[in-house]
Protein backbone atom coordinates (compact mmCIF):
# COMPACT_ATOMS: atom_id res chain seq x y z
CA MET A 1 26.44 -6.97 11.16
CA SER A 2 29.13 -5.10 9.26
CA LEU A 3 29.14 -4.18 5.61
CA GLU A 4 32.36 -3.95 3.68
CA ILE A 5 32.25 -2.02 0.44
CA THR A 6 35.07 -2.81 -1.94
CA THR A 7 33.86 -1.56 -5.30
CA SER A 8 30.41 -0.32 -6.09
CA GLY A 9 28.49 1.82 -8.51
CA TRP A 10 25.79 4.44 -8.17
CA SER A 11 23.35 5.79 -10.70
CA VAL A 12 23.67 9.39 -11.79
CA HIS A 13 19.98 9.53 -12.76
CA GLY A 14 17.95 11.81 -10.52
CA VAL A 15 20.97 13.01 -8.54
CA ASP A 16 20.81 16.60 -7.32
CA GLU A 17 24.34 17.74 -8.10
CA ASP A 18 24.09 20.56 -5.57
CA ARG A 19 23.56 18.00 -2.78
CA LEU A 20 26.07 15.43 -4.04
CA ASP A 21 29.11 15.06 -1.79
CA PRO A 22 32.16 15.94 -3.96
CA VAL A 23 33.92 12.79 -2.74
CA PHE A 24 31.71 10.79 -5.13
CA LEU A 25 33.53 12.49 -8.03
CA THR A 26 37.03 12.41 -6.52
CA PHE A 27 39.09 9.75 -8.29
CA ASP A 28 42.66 10.95 -7.76
CA ASN A 29 45.20 9.17 -5.53
CA GLY A 30 43.61 5.79 -6.29
CA ARG A 31 40.27 7.09 -4.93
CA ALA A 32 41.83 7.53 -1.48
CA ALA A 33 39.15 10.03 -0.37
CA GLN A 34 36.37 7.55 -1.18
CA LYS A 35 38.19 4.70 0.55
CA ALA A 36 38.72 6.84 3.66
CA ARG A 37 35.09 8.01 3.77
CA PHE A 38 33.24 4.84 2.74
CA GLY A 39 35.74 2.01 3.13
CA GLY A 40 35.70 1.33 -0.62
CA GLU A 41 35.27 2.80 -4.07
CA LEU A 42 32.08 4.09 -5.69
CA PHE A 43 31.82 4.66 -9.44
CA PRO A 44 29.06 6.41 -11.45
CA ALA A 45 27.38 3.40 -13.12
CA GLU A 46 26.54 5.11 -16.41
CA LEU A 47 29.95 6.71 -17.03
CA PRO A 48 32.67 4.94 -19.06
CA GLU A 49 35.59 3.14 -17.51
CA GLY A 50 38.79 4.65 -18.92
CA ILE A 51 40.45 1.72 -20.69
CA SER A 52 37.61 -0.49 -21.94
CA GLY A 53 35.13 2.29 -22.68
CA ARG A 54 32.36 0.19 -21.12
CA THR A 55 30.11 1.85 -18.57
CA PHE A 56 31.12 0.99 -15.02
CA LEU A 57 27.88 -1.01 -14.75
CA GLU A 58 29.00 -3.19 -17.69
CA PHE A 59 32.67 -3.19 -16.65
CA PHE A 60 32.01 -4.67 -13.20
CA GLN A 61 29.91 -7.48 -14.66
CA ILE A 62 32.97 -8.99 -16.32
CA ASP A 63 35.39 -11.08 -14.26
CA LYS A 64 38.85 -9.60 -14.81
CA ASP A 65 40.54 -13.02 -14.59
CA THR A 66 38.20 -15.25 -16.62
CA GLY A 67 36.27 -12.81 -18.81
CA GLY A 68 33.09 -14.52 -17.57
CA ARG A 69 30.05 -12.72 -16.21
CA ASN A 70 29.92 -11.46 -12.62
CA GLY A 71 26.67 -11.03 -10.80
CA ILE A 72 25.81 -7.65 -9.37
CA VAL A 73 23.38 -6.53 -6.70
CA ALA A 74 21.11 -3.52 -7.07
CA MET A 75 19.70 -1.72 -4.04
CA ALA A 76 17.14 1.07 -4.04
CA LEU A 77 17.85 3.48 -1.22
CA ASP A 78 15.38 5.88 0.33
CA VAL A 79 17.44 9.06 0.10
CA GLU A 80 15.27 11.09 2.45
CA GLN A 81 15.54 8.39 5.11
CA LEU A 82 19.31 8.25 4.68
CA LEU A 83 19.64 12.02 4.92
CA ALA A 84 17.50 12.11 8.06
CA SER A 85 19.42 9.27 9.69
CA GLU A 86 21.58 10.07 12.68
CA THR A 87 23.64 6.94 12.15
CA PRO A 88 27.30 7.92 11.94
CA ARG A 89 29.17 7.18 8.72
CA PRO A 90 32.70 5.75 8.60
CA GLY A 91 35.10 8.57 9.38
CA ASP A 92 32.56 10.64 11.34
CA ASP A 93 33.61 11.77 14.79
CA VAL A 94 31.32 10.16 17.36
CA ASP A 95 30.92 11.35 20.93
CA GLU A 96 31.62 8.20 22.98
CA GLU A 97 28.88 9.00 25.52
CA GLU A 98 26.27 9.46 22.78
CA ALA A 99 27.36 6.24 21.07
CA GLN A 100 26.67 4.22 24.24
CA GLU A 101 23.14 5.59 24.74
């Protein structure tokens, strides 16, 4: 199964800024660093989108073509499990021999 992230949001609540990867706050060049690292864009859900002033959470619930409501999906992630995971992330260098084990 593959997961394709196009646009997503993340909550700033409870985030340890010292452990936050700076790429989450890198928005220049059309968010090229995020797209290269994660295959999509990730926005802080509680911060305002620049033109509408809505939070990104509210902004992404409005269909840009119709103005109607979009559904969103929320996922709770176990941060400690993710940090302990040895699963490579997109863009990580993987030793081919290790990947086949």
